[in-house]
PDB file of N, CA and C in Angstrom:
ATOM      1  N   MET A   1      -5.587 -17.354   6.225  1.00  0.00           N
ATOM      2  CA  MET A   1      -4.592 -18.345   5.864  1.00  0.00           C
ATOM      3  C   MET A   1      -3.256 -17.689   5.529  1.00  0.00           C
ATOM      4  N   SER A   2      -3.298 -16.596   4.769  1.00  0.00           N
ATOM      5  CA  SER A   2      -2.043 -15.939   4.393  1.00  0.00           C
ATOM      6  C   SER A   2      -1.368 -15.286   5.599  1.00  0.00           C
ATOM      7  N   VAL A   3      -2.154 -14.910   6.601  1.00  0.00           N
ATOM      8  CA  VAL A   3      -1.561 -14.337   7.813  1.00  0.00           C
ATOM      9  C   VAL A   3      -0.726 -15.389   8.533  1.00  0.00           C
ATOM     10  N   ALA A   4      -1.226 -16.591   8.610  1.00  0.00           N
ATOM     11  CA  ALA A   4      -0.492 -17.669   9.282  1.00  0.00           C
ATOM     12  C   ALA A   4       0.788 -18.004   8.527  1.00  0.00           C
ATOM     13  N   ILE A   5       0.732 -18.002   7.216  1.00  0.00           N
ATOM     14  CA  ILE A   5       1.928 -18.288   6.423  1.00  0.00           C
ATOM     15  C   ILE A   5       2.957 -17.182   6.608  1.00  0.00           C
ATOM     16  N   GLY A   6       2.519 -15.938   6.594  1.00  0.00           N
ATOM     17  CA  GLY A   6       3.438 -14.815   6.812  1.00  0.00           C
ATOM     18  C   GLY A   6       4.078 -14.852   8.188  1.00  0.00           C
ATOM     19  N   ALA A   7       3.304 -15.184   9.192  1.00  0.00           N
ATOM     20  CA  ALA A   7       3.847 -15.274  10.550  1.00  0.00           C
ATOM     21  C   ALA A   7       4.847 -16.419  10.663  1.00  0.00           C
ATOM     22  N   ALA A   8       4.549 -17.545  10.018  1.00  0.00           N
ATOM     23  CA  ALA A   8       5.463 -18.685  10.064  1.00  0.00           C
ATOM     24  C   ALA A   8       6.788 -18.353   9.389  1.00  0.00           C
ATOM     25  N   ILE A   9       6.733 -17.645   8.288  1.00  0.00           N
ATOM     26  CA  ILE A   9       7.959 -17.249   7.598  1.00  0.00           C
ATOM     27  C   ILE A   9       8.767 -16.288   8.467  1.00  0.00           C
ATOM     28  N   ALA A  10       8.109 -15.375   9.146  1.00  0.00           N
ATOM     29  CA  ALA A  10       8.811 -14.418  10.002  1.00  0.00           C
ATOM     30  C   ALA A  10       9.480 -15.119  11.183  1.00  0.00           C
ATOM     31  N   VAL A  11       8.845 -16.138  11.719  1.00  0.00           N
ATOM     32  CA  VAL A  11       9.392 -16.830  12.883  1.00  0.00           C
ATOM     33  C   VAL A  11      10.545 -17.763  12.481  1.00  0.00           C
ATOM     34  N   LEU A  12      10.677 -18.077  11.215  1.00  0.00           N
ATOM     35  CA  LEU A  12      11.769 -18.940  10.760  1.00  0.00           C
ATOM     36  C   LEU A  12      13.139 -18.307  10.972  1.00  0.00           C
ATOM     37  N   THR A  13      13.200 -17.036  11.299  1.00  0.00           N
ATOM     38  CA  THR A  13      14.489 -16.408  11.582  1.00  0.00           C
ATOM     39  C   THR A  13      15.149 -17.053  12.799  1.00  0.00           C
ATOM     40  N   GLY A  14      14.360 -17.663  13.652  1.00  0.00           N
ATOM     41  CA  GLY A  14      14.910 -18.348  14.813  1.00  0.00           C
ATOM     42  C   GLY A  14      15.792 -19.525  14.426  1.00  0.00           C
ATOM     43  N   ILE A  15      15.487 -20.175  13.311  1.00  0.00           N
ATOM     44  CA  ILE A  15      16.312 -21.296  12.860  1.00  0.00           C
ATOM     45  C   ILE A  15      17.690 -20.793  12.458  1.00  0.00           C
ATOM     46  N   GLY A  16      17.719 -19.708  11.702  1.00  0.00           N
ATOM     47  CA  GLY A  16      19.009 -19.141  11.292  1.00  0.00           C
ATOM     48  C   GLY A  16      19.833 -18.673  12.468  1.00  0.00           C
ATOM     49  N   ALA A  17      19.179 -18.070  13.428  1.00  0.00           N
ATOM     50  CA  ALA A  17      19.898 -17.606  14.617  1.00  0.00           C
ATOM     51  C   ALA A  17      20.450 -18.781  15.411  1.00  0.00           C
ATOM     52  N   GLY A  18      19.682 -19.846  15.532  1.00  0.00           N
ATOM     53  CA  GLY A  18      20.160 -21.022  16.256  1.00  0.00           C
ATOM     54  C   GLY A  18      21.358 -21.669  15.583  1.00  0.00           C
ATOM     55  N   ILE A  19      21.305 -21.769  14.271  1.00  0.00           N
ATOM     56  CA  ILE A  19      22.440 -22.334  13.533  1.00  0.00           C
ATOM     57  C   ILE A  19      23.665 -21.437  13.678  1.00  0.00           C
ATOM     58  N   GLY A  20      23.455 -20.132  13.555  1.00  0.00           N
ATOM     59  CA  GLY A  20      24.574 -19.191  13.673  1.00  0.00           C
ATOM     60  C   GLY A  20      25.221 -19.205  15.046  1.00  0.00           C
ATOM     61  N   ILE A  21      24.405 -19.241  16.082  1.00  0.00           N
ATOM     62  CA  ILE A  21      24.946 -19.265  17.445  1.00  0.00           C
ATOM     63  C   ILE A  21      25.692 -20.575  17.700  1.00  0.00           C
ATOM     64  N   GLY A  22      25.153 -21.678  17.221  1.00  0.00           N
ATOM     65  CA  GLY A  22      25.832 -22.957  17.382  1.00  0.00           C
ATOM     66  C   GLY A  22      27.171 -22.989  16.654  1.00  0.00           C
ATOM     67  N   PHE A  23      27.205 -22.478  15.443  1.00  0.00           N
ATOM     68  CA  PHE A  23      28.449 -22.436  14.674  1.00  0.00           C
ATOM     69  C   PHE A  23      29.476 -21.543  15.363  1.00  0.00           C
ATOM     70  N   ALA A  24      29.046 -20.368  15.824  1.00  0.00           N
ATOM     71  CA  ALA A  24      29.965 -19.442  16.491  1.00  0.00           C
ATOM     72  C   ALA A  24      30.501 -20.027  17.792  1.00  0.00           C
ATOM     73  N   THR A  25      29.654 -20.708  18.549  1.00  0.00           N
ATOM     74  CA  THR A  25      30.103 -21.311  19.797  1.00  0.00           C
ATOM     75  C   THR A  25      31.131 -22.411  19.540  1.00  0.00           C
ATOM     76  N   GLY A  26      30.899 -23.206  18.518  1.00  0.00           N
ATOM     77  CA  GLY A  26      31.856 -24.251  18.178  1.00  0.00           C
ATOM     78  C   GLY A  26      33.210 -23.680  17.778  1.00  0.00           C
ATOM     79  N   LYS A  27      33.189 -22.633  16.959  1.00  0.00           N
ATOM     80  CA  LYS A  27      34.443 -22.016  16.537  1.00  0.00           C
ATOM     81  C   LYS A  27      35.145 -21.324  17.705  1.00  0.00           C
ATOM     82  N   ALA A  28      34.391 -20.726  18.595  1.00  0.00           N
ATOM     83  CA  ALA A  28      35.001 -20.085  19.764  1.00  0.00           C
ATOM     84  C   ALA A  28      35.641 -21.127  20.677  1.00  0.00           C
ATOM     85  N   THR A  29      34.997 -22.271  20.823  1.00  0.00           N
ATOM     86  CA  THR A  29      35.564 -23.350  21.633  1.00  0.00           C
ATOM     87  C   THR A  29      36.875 -23.844  21.026  1.00  0.00           C
ATOM     88  N   GLU A  30      36.898 -23.982  19.711  1.00  0.00           N
ATOM     89  CA  GLU A  30      38.133 -24.383  19.037  1.00  0.00           C
ATOM     90  C   GLU A  30      39.223 -23.330  19.223  1.00  0.00           C
ATOM     91  N   ALA A  31      38.863 -22.073  19.116  1.00  0.00           N
ATOM     92  CA  ALA A  31      39.854 -20.997  19.269  1.00  0.00           C
ATOM     93  C   ALA A  31      40.418 -20.957  20.686  1.00  0.00           C
ATOM     94  N   ILE A  32      39.567 -21.153  21.679  1.00  0.00           N
ATOM     95  CA  ILE A  32      40.044 -21.152  23.072  1.00  0.00           C
ATOM     96  C   ILE A  32      40.935 -22.368  23.317  1.00  0.00           C
ATOM     97  N   ALA A  33      40.619 -23.498  22.683  1.00  0.00           N
ATOM     98  CA  ALA A  33      41.460 -24.686  22.845  1.00  0.00           C
ATOM     99  C   ALA A  33      42.838 -24.462  22.242  1.00  0.00           C
ATOM    100  N   ARG A  34      42.891 -23.691  21.155  1.00  0.00           N
ATOM    101  CA  ARG A  34      44.179 -23.432  20.521  1.00  0.00           C
ATOM    102  C   ARG A  34      44.987 -22.367  21.241  1.00  0.00           C
ATOM    103  N   GLN A  35      44.298 -21.332  21.746  1.00  0.00           N
ATOM    104  CA  GLN A  35      44.982 -20.221  22.420  1.00  0.00           C
ATOM    105  C   GLN A  35      44.273 -19.893  23.731  1.00  0.00           C
ATOM    106  N   PRO A  36      44.561 -20.639  24.777  1.00  0.00           N
ATOM    107  CA  PRO A  36      43.877 -20.407  26.058  1.00  0.00           C
ATOM    108  C   PRO A  36      44.133 -19.013  26.637  1.00  0.00           C
ATOM    109  N   GLU A  37      45.264 -18.400  26.303  1.00  0.00           N
ATOM    110  CA  GLU A  37      45.557 -17.081  26.860  1.00  0.00           C
ATOM    111  C   GLU A  37      44.646 -15.993  26.281  1.00  0.00           C
ATOM    112  N   ALA A  38      44.010 -16.250  25.158  1.00  0.00           N
ATOM    113  CA  ALA A  38      43.107 -15.268  24.547  1.00  0.00           C
ATOM    114  C   ALA A  38      41.642 -15.568  24.864  1.00  0.00           C
ATOM    115  N   ALA A  39      41.389 -16.386  25.865  1.00  0.00           N
ATOM    116  CA  ALA A  39      40.027 -16.833  26.157  1.00  0.00           C
ATOM    117  C   ALA A  39      39.096 -15.682  26.508  1.00  0.00           C
ATOM    118  N   SER A  40      39.575 -14.701  27.263  1.00  0.00           N
ATOM    119  CA  SER A  40      38.674 -13.612  27.671  1.00  0.00           C
ATOM    120  C   SER A  40      38.249 -12.768  26.476  1.00  0.00           C
ATOM    121  N   GLN A  41      39.161 -12.492  25.563  1.00  0.00           N
ATOM    122  CA  GLN A  41      38.808 -11.700  24.382  1.00  0.00           C
ATOM    123  C   GLN A  41      37.883 -12.493  23.451  1.00  0.00           C
ATOM    124  N   ILE A  42      38.158 -13.777  23.283  1.00  0.00           N
ATOM    125  CA  ILE A  42      37.308 -14.616  22.435  1.00  0.00           C
ATOM    126  C   ILE A  42      35.912 -14.717  23.029  1.00  0.00           C
ATOM    127  N   ARG A  43      35.845 -14.884  24.352  1.00  0.00           N
ATOM    128  CA  ARG A  43      34.549 -15.017  25.016  1.00  0.00           C
ATOM    129  C   ARG A  43      33.723 -13.747  24.889  1.00  0.00           C
ATOM    130  N   SER A  44      34.357 -12.586  25.029  1.00  0.00           N
ATOM    131  CA  SER A  44      33.600 -11.332  24.923  1.00  0.00           C
ATOM    132  C   SER A  44      33.091 -11.127  23.500  1.00  0.00           C
ATOM    133  N   ASN A  45      33.903 -11.454  22.501  1.00  0.00           N
ATOM    134  CA  ASN A  45      33.444 -11.347  21.118  1.00  0.00           C
ATOM    135  C   ASN A  45      32.331 -12.344  20.822  1.00  0.00           C
ATOM    136  N   LEU A  46      32.431 -13.541  21.402  1.00  0.00           N
ATOM    137  CA  LEU A  46      31.388 -14.547  21.216  1.00  0.00           C
ATOM    138  C   LEU A  46      30.065 -14.070  21.803  1.00  0.00           C
ATOM    139  N   LEU A  47      30.098 -13.512  22.998  1.00  0.00           N
ATOM    140  CA  LEU A  47      28.856 -13.043  23.629  1.00  0.00           C
ATOM    141  C   LEU A  47      28.217 -11.907  22.840  1.00  0.00           C
ATOM    142  N   LEU A  48      29.027 -11.014  22.305  1.00  0.00           N
ATOM    143  CA  LEU A  48      28.489  -9.929  21.483  1.00  0.00           C
ATOM    144  C   LEU A  48      27.843 -10.484  20.220  1.00  0.00           C
ATOM    145  N   GLY A  49      28.518 -11.414  19.571  1.00  0.00           N
ATOM    146  CA  GLY A  49      27.960 -12.019  18.364  1.00  0.00           C
ATOM    147  C   GLY A  49      26.691 -12.791  18.632  1.00  0.00           C
ATOM    148  N   CYS A  50      26.656 -13.533  19.734  1.00  0.00           N
ATOM    149  CA  CYS A  50      25.447 -14.285  20.079  1.00  0.00           C
ATOM    150  C   CYS A  50      24.280 -13.356  20.399  1.00  0.00           C
ATOM    151  N   ALA A  51      24.565 -12.250  21.055  1.00  0.00           N
ATOM    152  CA  ALA A  51      23.505 -11.280  21.364  1.00  0.00           C
ATOM    153  C   ALA A  51      22.922 -10.682  20.087  1.00  0.00           C
ATOM    154  N   LEU A  52      23.783 -10.372  19.135  1.00  0.00           N
ATOM    155  CA  LEU A  52      23.290  -9.821  17.875  1.00  0.00           C
ATOM    156  C   LEU A  52      22.496 -10.857  17.084  1.00  0.00           C
ATOM    157  N   ALA A  53      22.954 -12.104  17.082  1.00  0.00           N
ATOM    158  CA  ALA A  53      22.222 -13.154  16.382  1.00  0.00           C
ATOM    159  C   ALA A  53      20.874 -13.414  17.043  1.00  0.00           C
ATOM    160  N   GLU A  54      20.851 -13.395  18.355  1.00  0.00           N
ATOM    161  CA  GLU A  54      19.591 -13.615  19.069  1.00  0.00           C
ATOM    162  C   GLU A  54      18.623 -12.459  18.850  1.00  0.00           C
ATOM    163  N   ALA A  55      19.157 -11.261  18.679  1.00  0.00           N
ATOM    164  CA  ALA A  55      18.295 -10.105  18.416  1.00  0.00           C
ATOM    165  C   ALA A  55      17.531 -10.291  17.106  1.00  0.00           C
ATOM    166  N   THR A  56      18.176 -10.871  16.087  1.00  0.00           N
ATOM    167  CA  THR A  56      17.456 -11.095  14.830  1.00  0.00           C
ATOM    168  C   THR A  56      16.319 -12.091  15.020  1.00  0.00           C
ATOM    169  N   ALA A  57      16.527 -13.088  15.860  1.00  0.00           N
ATOM    170  CA  ALA A  57      15.457 -14.052  16.131  1.00  0.00           C
ATOM    171  C   ALA A  57      14.301 -13.379  16.870  1.00  0.00           C
ATOM    172  N   ILE A  58      14.617 -12.512  17.797  1.00  0.00           N
ATOM    173  CA  ILE A  58      13.567 -11.805  18.537  1.00  0.00           C
ATOM    174  C   ILE A  58      12.803 -10.867  17.610  1.00  0.00           C
ATOM    175  N   TYR A  59      13.514 -10.185  16.693  1.00  0.00           N
ATOM    176  CA  TYR A  59      12.837  -9.319  15.719  1.00  0.00           C
ATOM    177  C   TYR A  59      11.881 -10.123  14.855  1.00  0.00           C
ATOM    178  N   GLY A  60      12.305 -11.297  14.419  1.00  0.00           N
ATOM    179  CA  GLY A  60      11.421 -12.144  13.622  1.00  0.00           C
ATOM    180  C   GLY A  60      10.198 -12.583  14.395  1.00  0.00           C
ATOM    181  N   PHE A  61      10.382 -12.909  15.666  1.00  0.00           N
ATOM    182  CA  PHE A  61       9.260 -13.307  16.509  1.00  0.00           C
ATOM    183  C   PHE A  61       8.270 -12.158  16.696  1.00  0.00           C
ATOM    184  N   VAL A  62       8.804 -10.967  16.932  1.00  0.00           N
ATOM    185  CA  VAL A  62       7.936  -9.794  17.116  1.00  0.00           C
ATOM    186  C   VAL A  62       7.182  -9.493  15.829  1.00  0.00           C
ATOM    187  N   ILE A  63       7.860  -9.584  14.692  1.00  0.00           N
ATOM    188  CA  ILE A  63       7.182  -9.339  13.416  1.00  0.00           C
ATOM    189  C   ILE A  63       6.089 -10.382  13.190  1.00  0.00           C
ATOM    190  N   GLY A  64       6.371 -11.632  13.552  1.00  0.00           N
ATOM    191  CA  GLY A  64       5.347 -12.662  13.445  1.00  0.00           C
ATOM    192  C   GLY A  64       4.130 -12.351  14.286  1.00  0.00           C
ATOM    193  N   LEU A  65       4.334 -11.875  15.512  1.00  0.00           N
ATOM    194  CA  LEU A  65       3.207 -11.498  16.361  1.00  0.00           C
ATOM    195  C   LEU A  65       2.439 -10.303  15.787  1.00  0.00           C
ATOM    196  N   VAL A  66       3.160  -9.344  15.249  1.00  0.00           N
ATOM    197  CA  VAL A  66       2.497  -8.172  14.653  1.00  0.00           C
ATOM    198  C   VAL A  66       1.664  -8.601  13.454  1.00  0.00           C
ATOM    199  N   VAL A  67       2.200  -9.502  12.648  1.00  0.00           N
ATOM    200  CA  VAL A  67       1.446  -9.980  11.477  1.00  0.00           C
ATOM    201  C   VAL A  67       0.180 -10.686  11.919  1.00  0.00           C
ATOM    202  N   ILE A  68       0.269 -11.482  12.977  1.00  0.00           N
ATOM    203  CA  ILE A  68      -0.912 -12.218  13.443  1.00  0.00           C
ATOM    204  C   ILE A  68      -1.979 -11.275  13.997  1.00  0.00           C
ATOM    205  N   PHE A  69      -1.561 -10.352  14.877  1.00  0.00           N
ATOM    206  CA  PHE A  69      -2.545  -9.529  15.568  1.00  0.00           C
ATOM    207  C   PHE A  69      -2.970  -8.283  14.810  1.00  0.00           C
ATOM    208  N   ALA A  70      -2.176  -7.810  13.876  1.00  0.00           N
ATOM    209  CA  ALA A  70      -2.540  -6.616  13.136  1.00  0.00           C
ATOM    210  C   ALA A  70      -3.110  -6.972  11.757  1.00  0.00           C
ATOM    211  N   GLY A  71      -2.899  -8.222  11.327  1.00  0.00           N
ATOM    212  CA  GLY A  71      -3.312  -8.598   9.971  1.00  0.00           C
ATOM    213  C   GLY A  71      -4.635  -9.185   9.895  1.00  0.00           C
TER     214      GLY A  71
END
């Protein structure tokens, strides 16, 4: 039972990553609307930030799998 609870807590990192990526995308869209000439720089920074946020979700998923199969 405690293994399932630990795995569920580890996988909850996906919620934070989803909220963070959504917030960043919204702000990037607003920034591009205000300054279209800076769109390429904003887009590259957005992609880097989204990749880092998604990496935390993947780490949480992997930890959840390790807890299930090793615990």
